[in-house]
């Protein structure tokens, strides 16, 4: 059984930040090959600027497609896409056009509303109720419409942080426990 986990970071939330780092270790523990997509070259001051956000999305999508072009996803029995912020949209679009779409599962950290413009299938979502990048009720509502488990972190921002180190460590532990549960319960084909 061949398994691949692909990591789609955010604009400023790179593959080395806690959510991506620990979920990568969990995926490796579950026997997944790891592929990181460290795209870069985004415009400055993206937040609140729809044109810059769309430009950032196009940059990330083009770079992710290029990096993935050397990998034949059809060779893998199980595929995990782990996305953060804008990376959730990129992951969802790439999956929607992939012949391996039925074998792709998603872990989505602080997804943006545009992520839900694509079919997601088997997924789990983590969002904060104080995330300034989305309306506080938007992501949970979109998840309910699609019957996707959504874990809402109280007082958490777009990095799923609250500003209280003790709470942030406890929240990270809870998020990683749920991520582990999801990853280790992906049915093998």
N, C-alpha and C. Protein backbone atom coordinates (compact mmCIF):
# COMPACT_ATOMS: atom_id res chain seq x y z
N UNK A 1 0.85 -1.18 0.00
CA UNK A 1 0.00 0.00 0.00
C UNK A 1 0.89 1.24 0.00
N UNK A 2 0.71 2.08 -1.02
CA UNK A 2 1.48 3.32 -1.12
C UNK A 2 0.60 4.48 -0.68
N UNK A 3 1.16 5.30 0.23
CA UNK A 3 0.42 6.44 0.76
C UNK A 3 1.28 7.69 0.63
N UNK A 4 0.63 8.78 0.25
CA UNK A 4 1.32 10.05 0.07
C UNK A 4 0.57 11.15 0.82
N UNK A 5 1.30 11.97 1.58
CA UNK A 5 0.73 13.15 2.22
C UNK A 5 1.40 14.38 1.62
N UNK A 6 0.58 15.29 1.10
CA UNK A 6 1.07 16.51 0.46
C UNK A 6 0.66 17.70 1.33
N UNK A 7 1.63 18.58 1.61
CA UNK A 7 1.40 19.70 2.51
C UNK A 7 1.38 21.02 1.75
N UNK A 8 0.25 21.71 1.85
CA UNK A 8 -0.01 22.98 1.16
C UNK A 8 -0.04 24.09 2.21
N UNK A 9 1.06 24.82 2.42
CA UNK A 9 1.10 25.84 3.47
C UNK A 9 0.30 27.08 3.11
N UNK A 10 0.28 28.02 4.05
CA UNK A 10 -0.35 29.30 3.82
C UNK A 10 0.66 30.30 3.29
N UNK A 11 0.26 31.54 3.22
CA UNK A 11 1.14 32.60 2.72
C UNK A 11 2.30 32.82 3.70
N UNK A 12 1.98 33.04 4.96
CA UNK A 12 3.01 33.25 5.96
C UNK A 12 3.18 32.06 6.89
N UNK A 13 2.27 31.12 6.78
CA UNK A 13 2.30 29.95 7.65
C UNK A 13 2.95 28.82 6.86
N UNK A 14 4.27 28.73 7.01
CA UNK A 14 5.07 27.81 6.20
C UNK A 14 4.96 26.37 6.70
N UNK A 15 5.59 25.46 5.99
CA UNK A 15 5.56 24.04 6.35
C UNK A 15 6.30 23.74 7.64
N UNK A 16 7.06 24.71 8.17
CA UNK A 16 7.80 24.50 9.41
C UNK A 16 7.05 24.99 10.65
N UNK A 17 5.92 25.62 10.47
CA UNK A 17 5.14 26.12 11.61
C UNK A 17 4.43 24.94 12.29
N UNK A 18 3.99 25.12 13.54
CA UNK A 18 3.51 23.98 14.35
C UNK A 18 2.43 23.10 13.72
N UNK A 19 1.37 23.66 13.18
CA UNK A 19 0.30 22.82 12.62
C UNK A 19 0.82 21.93 11.49
N UNK A 20 1.64 22.48 10.64
CA UNK A 20 2.17 21.72 9.51
C UNK A 20 3.26 20.75 9.97
N UNK A 21 4.11 21.20 10.87
CA UNK A 21 5.21 20.36 11.36
C UNK A 21 4.69 19.11 12.06
N UNK A 22 3.78 19.28 13.01
CA UNK A 22 3.30 18.13 13.77
C UNK A 22 2.38 17.23 12.96
N UNK A 23 1.57 17.80 12.09
CA UNK A 23 0.73 16.94 11.24
C UNK A 23 1.59 16.15 10.26
N UNK A 24 2.68 16.72 9.83
CA UNK A 24 3.63 16.01 8.95
C UNK A 24 4.22 14.81 9.70
N UNK A 25 4.57 15.01 10.94
CA UNK A 25 5.13 13.91 11.74
C UNK A 25 4.08 12.82 11.96
N UNK A 26 2.84 13.22 12.19
CA UNK A 26 1.76 12.24 12.35
C UNK A 26 1.57 11.43 11.06
N UNK A 27 1.58 12.12 9.93
CA UNK A 27 1.41 11.42 8.65
C UNK A 27 2.57 10.44 8.42
N UNK A 28 3.77 10.86 8.74
CA UNK A 28 4.93 9.96 8.59
C UNK A 28 4.77 8.75 9.50
N UNK A 29 4.32 8.97 10.73
CA UNK A 29 4.09 7.86 11.66
C UNK A 29 3.04 6.89 11.12
N UNK A 30 2.10 7.38 10.33
CA UNK A 30 1.05 6.55 9.76
C UNK A 30 1.49 5.89 8.45
N UNK A 31 2.75 6.08 8.07
CA UNK A 31 3.28 5.40 6.88
C UNK A 31 3.15 6.16 5.58
N UNK A 32 2.84 7.45 5.66
CA UNK A 32 2.72 8.26 4.44
C UNK A 32 4.09 8.76 4.00
N UNK A 33 4.34 8.72 2.70
CA UNK A 33 5.46 9.47 2.13
C UNK A 33 5.08 10.93 2.26
N UNK A 34 6.05 11.79 2.46
CA UNK A 34 5.78 13.21 2.69
C UNK A 34 6.26 14.04 1.51
N UNK A 35 5.40 14.95 1.06
CA UNK A 35 5.75 15.91 0.01
C UNK A 35 5.37 17.30 0.49
N UNK A 36 6.35 18.18 0.55
CA UNK A 36 6.12 19.55 0.98
C UNK A 36 6.10 20.46 -0.25
N UNK A 37 5.19 21.43 -0.24
CA UNK A 37 5.08 22.38 -1.34
C UNK A 37 5.40 23.78 -0.83
N UNK A 38 6.67 24.09 -0.69
CA UNK A 38 7.06 25.39 -0.10
C UNK A 38 7.02 26.53 -1.12
N UNK A 39 5.82 26.89 -1.56
CA UNK A 39 5.73 27.98 -2.53
C UNK A 39 6.04 29.33 -1.88
N UNK A 40 6.36 30.30 -2.73
CA UNK A 40 6.79 31.61 -2.22
C UNK A 40 6.54 32.67 -3.28
N UNK A 41 6.91 33.91 -2.96
CA UNK A 41 6.83 35.01 -3.92
C UNK A 41 5.49 35.73 -3.91
N UNK A 42 4.86 35.81 -2.75
CA UNK A 42 3.55 36.44 -2.65
C UNK A 42 3.67 37.96 -2.53
N UNK A 43 2.62 38.68 -2.95
CA UNK A 43 2.62 40.13 -2.75
C UNK A 43 2.50 40.45 -1.26
N UNK A 44 2.83 41.68 -0.90
CA UNK A 44 2.72 42.14 0.48
C UNK A 44 1.29 42.62 0.76
N UNK A 45 0.94 42.68 2.03
CA UNK A 45 -0.35 43.23 2.49
C UNK A 45 -1.54 42.59 1.77
N UNK A 46 -1.66 41.28 1.91
CA UNK A 46 -2.72 40.52 1.24
C UNK A 46 -4.05 40.63 1.98
N UNK A 47 -4.00 40.59 3.31
CA UNK A 47 -5.23 40.57 4.11
C UNK A 47 -6.11 41.77 3.78
N UNK A 48 -7.37 41.45 3.46
CA UNK A 48 -8.35 42.49 3.16
C UNK A 48 -8.30 43.01 1.74
N UNK A 49 -7.37 42.54 0.94
CA UNK A 49 -7.24 42.99 -0.45
C UNK A 49 -7.54 41.81 -1.37
N UNK A 50 -8.75 41.78 -1.91
CA UNK A 50 -9.20 40.65 -2.73
C UNK A 50 -8.30 40.43 -3.94
N UNK A 51 -7.85 41.48 -4.59
CA UNK A 51 -6.99 41.34 -5.78
C UNK A 51 -5.66 40.68 -5.41
N UNK A 52 -5.07 41.10 -4.30
CA UNK A 52 -3.80 40.49 -3.87
C UNK A 52 -4.01 39.06 -3.40
N UNK A 53 -5.16 38.79 -2.80
CA UNK A 53 -5.47 37.42 -2.37
C UNK A 53 -5.59 36.52 -3.60
N UNK A 54 -6.28 36.98 -4.62
CA UNK A 54 -6.42 36.18 -5.85
C UNK A 54 -5.07 35.99 -6.54
N UNK A 55 -4.23 37.03 -6.53
CA UNK A 55 -2.89 36.91 -7.10
C UNK A 55 -2.08 35.88 -6.31
N UNK A 56 -2.17 35.92 -4.99
CA UNK A 56 -1.46 34.95 -4.15
C UNK A 56 -1.94 33.53 -4.44
N UNK A 57 -3.24 33.38 -4.61
CA UNK A 57 -3.81 32.07 -4.93
C UNK A 57 -3.26 31.56 -6.27
N UNK A 58 -3.22 32.42 -7.28
CA UNK A 58 -2.70 32.00 -8.59
C UNK A 58 -1.23 31.60 -8.49
N UNK A 59 -0.46 32.35 -7.71
CA UNK A 59 0.97 32.04 -7.52
C UNK A 59 1.12 30.67 -6.86
N UNK A 60 0.38 30.47 -5.76
CA UNK A 60 0.47 29.20 -5.02
C UNK A 60 0.00 28.04 -5.88
N UNK A 61 -1.08 28.22 -6.61
CA UNK A 61 -1.62 27.15 -7.46
C UNK A 61 -0.63 26.78 -8.56
N UNK A 62 -0.05 27.77 -9.21
CA UNK A 62 0.91 27.49 -10.29
C UNK A 62 2.13 26.76 -9.74
N UNK A 63 2.64 27.21 -8.61
CA UNK A 63 3.82 26.57 -8.03
C UNK A 63 3.50 25.15 -7.55
N UNK A 64 2.34 24.97 -6.93
CA UNK A 64 1.94 23.63 -6.45
C UNK A 64 1.77 22.68 -7.63
N UNK A 65 1.12 23.15 -8.68
CA UNK A 65 0.96 22.29 -9.87
C UNK A 65 2.31 21.90 -10.45
N UNK A 66 3.24 22.85 -10.50
CA UNK A 66 4.56 22.55 -11.04
C UNK A 66 5.27 21.51 -10.18
N UNK A 67 5.24 21.70 -8.85
CA UNK A 67 5.92 20.75 -7.96
C UNK A 67 5.27 19.37 -8.00
N UNK A 68 3.94 19.34 -8.15
CA UNK A 68 3.24 18.06 -8.20
C UNK A 68 3.33 17.38 -9.57
N UNK A 69 3.72 18.13 -10.59
CA UNK A 69 3.75 17.57 -11.94
C UNK A 69 4.72 16.40 -12.08
N UNK A 70 5.67 16.30 -11.18
CA UNK A 70 6.65 15.21 -11.21
C UNK A 70 6.17 13.98 -10.44
N UNK A 71 5.00 14.06 -9.85
CA UNK A 71 4.46 12.97 -9.05
C UNK A 71 3.19 12.43 -9.70
N UNK A 72 3.14 11.13 -9.90
CA UNK A 72 1.95 10.50 -10.46
C UNK A 72 1.06 10.05 -9.30
N UNK A 73 0.04 10.84 -8.99
CA UNK A 73 -0.83 10.52 -7.87
C UNK A 73 -1.55 9.19 -8.05
N UNK A 74 -1.73 8.75 -9.28
CA UNK A 74 -2.42 7.48 -9.52
C UNK A 74 -1.63 6.28 -8.99
N UNK A 75 -0.35 6.49 -8.67
CA UNK A 75 0.46 5.40 -8.13
C UNK A 75 0.17 5.15 -6.64
N UNK A 76 -0.59 6.04 -6.01
CA UNK A 76 -0.82 5.94 -4.57
C UNK A 76 -2.23 5.43 -4.28
N UNK A 77 -2.31 4.54 -3.29
CA UNK A 77 -3.60 3.99 -2.88
C UNK A 77 -4.37 4.99 -2.03
N UNK A 78 -3.65 5.74 -1.21
CA UNK A 78 -4.26 6.71 -0.31
C UNK A 78 -3.45 8.00 -0.38
N UNK A 79 -4.17 9.11 -0.48
CA UNK A 79 -3.52 10.42 -0.58
C UNK A 79 -4.13 11.34 0.46
N UNK A 80 -3.28 12.05 1.17
CA UNK A 80 -3.72 13.00 2.18
C UNK A 80 -3.23 14.38 1.76
N UNK A 81 -4.14 15.32 1.64
CA UNK A 81 -3.79 16.71 1.39
C UNK A 81 -3.99 17.47 2.70
N UNK A 82 -2.92 18.08 3.21
CA UNK A 82 -2.99 18.88 4.42
C UNK A 82 -2.77 20.33 4.01
N UNK A 83 -3.77 21.16 4.23
CA UNK A 83 -3.68 22.55 3.80
C UNK A 83 -3.86 23.51 4.95
N UNK A 84 -3.25 24.68 4.78
CA UNK A 84 -3.39 25.77 5.75
C UNK A 84 -3.75 27.04 5.00
N UNK A 85 -4.86 27.66 5.36
CA UNK A 85 -5.28 28.94 4.80
C UNK A 85 -5.42 28.88 3.29
N UNK A 86 -4.67 29.69 2.56
CA UNK A 86 -4.77 29.68 1.10
C UNK A 86 -4.41 28.32 0.52
N UNK A 87 -3.58 27.57 1.24
CA UNK A 87 -3.23 26.22 0.80
C UNK A 87 -4.41 25.28 0.77
N UNK A 88 -5.46 25.57 1.56
CA UNK A 88 -6.66 24.72 1.52
C UNK A 88 -7.39 24.88 0.20
N UNK A 89 -7.39 26.10 -0.33
CA UNK A 89 -8.04 26.34 -1.63
C UNK A 89 -7.24 25.65 -2.73
N UNK A 90 -5.93 25.81 -2.69
CA UNK A 90 -5.05 25.19 -3.70
C UNK A 90 -5.23 23.68 -3.67
N UNK A 91 -5.21 23.09 -2.48
CA UNK A 91 -5.38 21.64 -2.34
C UNK A 91 -6.73 21.19 -2.91
N UNK A 92 -7.79 21.92 -2.57
CA UNK A 92 -9.12 21.55 -3.04
C UNK A 92 -9.24 21.64 -4.55
N UNK A 93 -8.66 22.68 -5.15
CA UNK A 93 -8.74 22.79 -6.61
C UNK A 93 -7.93 21.69 -7.29
N UNK A 94 -6.72 21.45 -6.82
CA UNK A 94 -5.90 20.40 -7.42
C UNK A 94 -6.60 19.05 -7.31
N UNK A 95 -7.15 18.76 -6.15
CA UNK A 95 -7.87 17.49 -5.97
C UNK A 95 -9.07 17.38 -6.90
N UNK A 96 -9.77 18.49 -7.11
CA UNK A 96 -10.99 18.44 -7.93
C UNK A 96 -10.69 18.10 -9.39
N UNK A 97 -9.46 18.31 -9.83
CA UNK A 97 -9.09 18.02 -11.22
C UNK A 97 -8.22 16.76 -11.33
N UNK A 98 -8.02 16.09 -10.22
CA UNK A 98 -7.14 14.92 -10.22
C UNK A 98 -7.91 13.64 -10.53
N UNK A 99 -7.33 12.78 -11.37
CA UNK A 99 -7.95 11.47 -11.59
C UNK A 99 -7.96 10.63 -10.32
N UNK A 100 -7.16 11.00 -9.33
CA UNK A 100 -7.09 10.27 -8.06
C UNK A 100 -8.00 10.90 -7.00
N UNK A 101 -8.91 11.77 -7.39
CA UNK A 101 -9.73 12.53 -6.44
C UNK A 101 -10.43 11.65 -5.41
N UNK A 102 -10.90 10.49 -5.79
CA UNK A 102 -11.64 9.63 -4.85
C UNK A 102 -10.74 9.07 -3.75
N UNK A 103 -9.43 9.15 -3.93
CA UNK A 103 -8.49 8.62 -2.92
C UNK A 103 -7.85 9.73 -2.09
N UNK A 104 -8.30 10.97 -2.30
CA UNK A 104 -7.72 12.12 -1.59
C UNK A 104 -8.58 12.46 -0.36
N UNK A 105 -7.92 12.59 0.78
CA UNK A 105 -8.53 12.96 2.04
C UNK A 105 -7.90 14.29 2.47
N UNK A 106 -8.65 15.09 3.22
CA UNK A 106 -8.18 16.44 3.55
C UNK A 106 -8.14 16.71 5.04
N UNK A 107 -7.05 17.32 5.49
CA UNK A 107 -6.97 17.97 6.79
C UNK A 107 -6.83 19.45 6.45
N UNK A 108 -7.80 20.26 6.89
CA UNK A 108 -7.84 21.66 6.50
C UNK A 108 -7.75 22.55 7.74
N UNK A 109 -6.61 23.24 7.86
CA UNK A 109 -6.39 24.16 8.97
C UNK A 109 -6.74 25.57 8.52
N UNK A 110 -7.61 26.22 9.23
CA UNK A 110 -8.11 27.57 8.97
C UNK A 110 -8.40 27.80 7.49
N UNK A 111 -9.30 26.97 6.93
CA UNK A 111 -9.64 27.16 5.52
C UNK A 111 -10.34 28.50 5.30
N UNK A 112 -10.22 28.99 4.09
CA UNK A 112 -10.93 30.19 3.68
C UNK A 112 -12.24 29.75 3.01
N UNK A 113 -13.19 30.65 2.94
CA UNK A 113 -14.50 30.29 2.39
C UNK A 113 -14.41 29.74 0.97
N UNK A 114 -13.47 30.25 0.17
CA UNK A 114 -13.33 29.81 -1.22
C UNK A 114 -12.96 28.33 -1.33
N UNK A 115 -12.43 27.75 -0.27
CA UNK A 115 -12.09 26.33 -0.27
C UNK A 115 -13.33 25.50 -0.57
N UNK A 116 -14.47 25.96 -0.09
CA UNK A 116 -15.70 25.18 -0.19
C UNK A 116 -16.39 25.33 -1.55
N UNK A 117 -15.72 26.00 -2.49
CA UNK A 117 -16.23 26.06 -3.86
C UNK A 117 -15.92 24.76 -4.60
N UNK A 118 -15.12 23.90 -3.97
CA UNK A 118 -14.70 22.64 -4.58
C UNK A 118 -15.23 21.46 -3.76
N UNK A 119 -15.41 20.30 -4.40
CA UNK A 119 -15.80 19.12 -3.63
C UNK A 119 -14.66 18.70 -2.71
N UNK A 120 -15.00 18.28 -1.50
CA UNK A 120 -13.96 17.93 -0.55
C UNK A 120 -13.97 16.46 -0.12
N UNK A 121 -15.07 15.79 -0.24
CA UNK A 121 -15.10 14.39 0.16
C UNK A 121 -14.76 14.21 1.62
N UNK A 122 -13.86 13.28 1.92
CA UNK A 122 -13.48 12.95 3.28
C UNK A 122 -12.54 14.03 3.81
N UNK A 123 -12.99 14.76 4.83
CA UNK A 123 -12.20 15.90 5.32
C UNK A 123 -12.48 16.14 6.79
N UNK A 124 -11.56 16.87 7.40
CA UNK A 124 -11.75 17.40 8.75
C UNK A 124 -11.23 18.84 8.72
N UNK A 125 -11.91 19.72 9.45
CA UNK A 125 -11.61 21.15 9.43
C UNK A 125 -11.32 21.65 10.84
N UNK A 126 -10.36 22.58 10.92
CA UNK A 126 -10.03 23.25 12.17
C UNK A 126 -10.04 24.75 11.90
N UNK A 127 -10.79 25.50 12.71
CA UNK A 127 -10.90 26.94 12.52
C UNK A 127 -10.99 27.62 13.88
N UNK A 128 -10.69 28.89 13.92
CA UNK A 128 -10.81 29.66 15.15
C UNK A 128 -12.01 30.58 15.07
N UNK A 129 -12.64 30.83 16.20
CA UNK A 129 -13.80 31.73 16.16
C UNK A 129 -13.41 33.20 16.23
N UNK A 130 -12.09 33.48 16.27
CA UNK A 130 -11.61 34.86 16.23
C UNK A 130 -10.64 35.04 15.06
N UNK A 131 -10.88 34.29 14.00
CA UNK A 131 -10.04 34.35 12.80
C UNK A 131 -10.46 35.57 11.98
N UNK A 132 -9.58 36.56 11.84
CA UNK A 132 -9.97 37.78 11.11
C UNK A 132 -10.05 37.59 9.59
N UNK A 133 -9.66 36.42 9.08
CA UNK A 133 -9.70 36.18 7.65
C UNK A 133 -11.05 35.64 7.17
N UNK A 134 -11.89 35.20 8.11
CA UNK A 134 -13.21 34.65 7.76
C UNK A 134 -14.24 35.14 8.76
N UNK A 135 -15.50 35.14 8.35
CA UNK A 135 -16.58 35.43 9.29
C UNK A 135 -16.65 34.28 10.29
N UNK A 136 -16.86 34.56 11.54
CA UNK A 136 -16.78 33.54 12.59
C UNK A 136 -17.75 32.38 12.38
N UNK A 137 -18.88 32.63 11.75
CA UNK A 137 -19.86 31.55 11.55
C UNK A 137 -19.75 30.89 10.18
N UNK A 138 -18.95 31.43 9.29
CA UNK A 138 -18.92 30.97 7.90
C UNK A 138 -18.41 29.54 7.76
N UNK A 139 -17.26 29.24 8.32
CA UNK A 139 -16.65 27.92 8.13
C UNK A 139 -17.48 26.82 8.80
N UNK A 140 -17.91 26.99 10.05
CA UNK A 140 -18.77 25.96 10.63
C UNK A 140 -20.05 25.72 9.82
N UNK A 141 -20.64 26.79 9.28
CA UNK A 141 -21.86 26.63 8.48
C UNK A 141 -21.56 25.87 7.19
N UNK A 142 -20.47 26.19 6.53
CA UNK A 142 -20.11 25.48 5.30
C UNK A 142 -19.81 24.01 5.58
N UNK A 143 -19.21 23.74 6.71
CA UNK A 143 -18.94 22.34 7.09
C UNK A 143 -20.24 21.59 7.37
N UNK A 144 -21.17 22.24 8.07
CA UNK A 144 -22.46 21.59 8.34
C UNK A 144 -23.18 21.24 7.05
N UNK A 145 -23.15 22.15 6.07
CA UNK A 145 -23.80 21.90 4.77
C UNK A 145 -23.24 20.66 4.09
N UNK A 146 -21.97 20.37 4.32
CA UNK A 146 -21.28 19.25 3.65
C UNK A 146 -21.04 18.06 4.57
N UNK A 147 -21.53 18.15 5.79
CA UNK A 147 -21.35 17.07 6.76
C UNK A 147 -19.87 16.76 7.00
N UNK A 148 -19.08 17.82 7.14
CA UNK A 148 -17.64 17.72 7.41
C UNK A 148 -17.41 18.07 8.87
N UNK A 149 -16.71 17.22 9.62
CA UNK A 149 -16.41 17.58 11.01
C UNK A 149 -15.62 18.88 11.07
N UNK A 150 -16.06 19.78 11.95
CA UNK A 150 -15.41 21.09 12.09
C UNK A 150 -15.11 21.33 13.56
N UNK A 151 -13.85 21.52 13.86
CA UNK A 151 -13.41 21.78 15.22
C UNK A 151 -13.13 23.28 15.34
N UNK A 152 -13.90 23.95 16.16
CA UNK A 152 -13.77 25.40 16.34
C UNK A 152 -12.99 25.65 17.64
N UNK A 153 -11.90 26.38 17.52
CA UNK A 153 -11.06 26.70 18.67
C UNK A 153 -11.48 28.08 19.19
N UNK A 154 -11.91 28.11 20.45
CA UNK A 154 -12.39 29.35 21.06
C UNK A 154 -11.28 30.40 21.14
N UNK A 155 -11.63 31.61 20.74
CA UNK A 155 -10.74 32.78 20.82
C UNK A 155 -9.48 32.65 19.96
N UNK A 156 -9.46 31.71 19.01
CA UNK A 156 -8.26 31.47 18.20
C UNK A 156 -8.29 32.27 16.91
N UNK A 157 -7.12 32.74 16.54
CA UNK A 157 -6.95 33.53 15.32
C UNK A 157 -6.65 32.63 14.12
N UNK A 158 -6.09 33.21 13.07
CA UNK A 158 -5.84 32.47 11.83
C UNK A 158 -4.70 31.45 11.95
N UNK A 159 -3.93 31.54 13.02
CA UNK A 159 -2.90 30.53 13.30
C UNK A 159 -3.36 29.55 14.37
N UNK A 160 -4.64 29.63 14.71
CA UNK A 160 -5.25 28.85 15.79
C UNK A 160 -4.56 29.14 17.12
N UNK A 161 -4.18 30.40 17.30
CA UNK A 161 -3.55 30.84 18.54
C UNK A 161 -4.43 31.90 19.21
N UNK A 162 -4.34 31.93 20.54
CA UNK A 162 -5.17 32.85 21.33
C UNK A 162 -4.37 33.98 21.94
N UNK A 163 -3.05 33.85 21.97
CA UNK A 163 -2.21 34.84 22.63
C UNK A 163 -1.81 34.41 24.03
N UNK A 164 -2.43 33.34 24.53
CA UNK A 164 -2.08 32.77 25.83
C UNK A 164 -1.31 31.49 25.56
N UNK A 165 -0.03 31.47 25.89
CA UNK A 165 0.84 30.35 25.53
C UNK A 165 0.31 29.02 26.08
N UNK A 166 -0.11 29.02 27.33
CA UNK A 166 -0.62 27.78 27.93
C UNK A 166 -1.83 27.27 27.15
N UNK A 167 -2.77 28.15 26.85
CA UNK A 167 -3.96 27.76 26.07
C UNK A 167 -3.56 27.30 24.67
N UNK A 168 -2.61 28.00 24.08
CA UNK A 168 -2.19 27.64 22.71
C UNK A 168 -1.58 26.24 22.66
N UNK A 169 -0.78 25.90 23.67
CA UNK A 169 -0.18 24.56 23.72
C UNK A 169 -1.27 23.51 23.92
N UNK A 170 -2.21 23.78 24.80
CA UNK A 170 -3.32 22.84 25.03
C UNK A 170 -4.17 22.69 23.75
N UNK A 171 -4.44 23.83 23.09
CA UNK A 171 -5.22 23.77 21.84
C UNK A 171 -4.47 23.00 20.76
N UNK A 172 -3.16 23.23 20.64
CA UNK A 172 -2.37 22.50 19.65
C UNK A 172 -2.43 21.00 19.93
N UNK A 173 -2.35 20.65 21.19
CA UNK A 173 -2.45 19.23 21.56
C UNK A 173 -3.80 18.65 21.13
N UNK A 174 -4.89 19.38 21.38
CA UNK A 174 -6.23 18.91 20.99
C UNK A 174 -6.34 18.79 19.47
N UNK A 175 -5.82 19.80 18.77
CA UNK A 175 -5.88 19.77 17.29
C UNK A 175 -5.09 18.58 16.75
N UNK A 176 -3.91 18.35 17.30
CA UNK A 176 -3.09 17.23 16.82
C UNK A 176 -3.70 15.88 17.19
N UNK A 177 -4.37 15.79 18.34
CA UNK A 177 -5.06 14.54 18.68
C UNK A 177 -6.17 14.25 17.68
N UNK A 178 -6.93 15.29 17.31
CA UNK A 178 -7.99 15.10 16.31
C UNK A 178 -7.41 14.81 14.92
N UNK A 179 -6.31 15.48 14.61
CA UNK A 179 -5.64 15.23 13.32
C UNK A 179 -5.15 13.79 13.27
N UNK A 180 -4.53 13.33 14.35
CA UNK A 180 -4.04 11.96 14.42
C UNK A 180 -5.20 10.98 14.24
N UNK A 181 -6.28 11.23 14.95
CA UNK A 181 -7.46 10.35 14.85
C UNK A 181 -7.93 10.26 13.39
N UNK A 182 -7.99 11.40 12.72
CA UNK A 182 -8.42 11.42 11.31
C UNK A 182 -7.44 10.64 10.43
N UNK A 183 -6.16 10.95 10.56
CA UNK A 183 -5.15 10.32 9.70
C UNK A 183 -5.10 8.81 9.90
N UNK A 184 -5.14 8.38 11.13
CA UNK A 184 -5.02 6.95 11.42
C UNK A 184 -6.31 6.18 11.14
N UNK A 185 -7.39 6.88 10.86
CA UNK A 185 -8.65 6.20 10.55
C UNK A 185 -9.04 6.32 9.08
N UNK A 186 -8.12 6.77 8.26
CA UNK A 186 -8.38 6.78 6.81
C UNK A 186 -8.42 5.32 6.37
N UNK A 187 -9.51 4.91 5.74
CA UNK A 187 -9.61 3.51 5.33
C UNK A 187 -8.57 3.16 4.26
N UNK A 188 -7.94 2.02 4.43
CA UNK A 188 -6.96 1.58 3.44
C UNK A 188 -7.69 0.86 2.32
N UNK A 189 -7.26 1.12 1.10
CA UNK A 189 -7.93 0.53 -0.06
C UNK A 189 -7.10 -0.59 -0.63
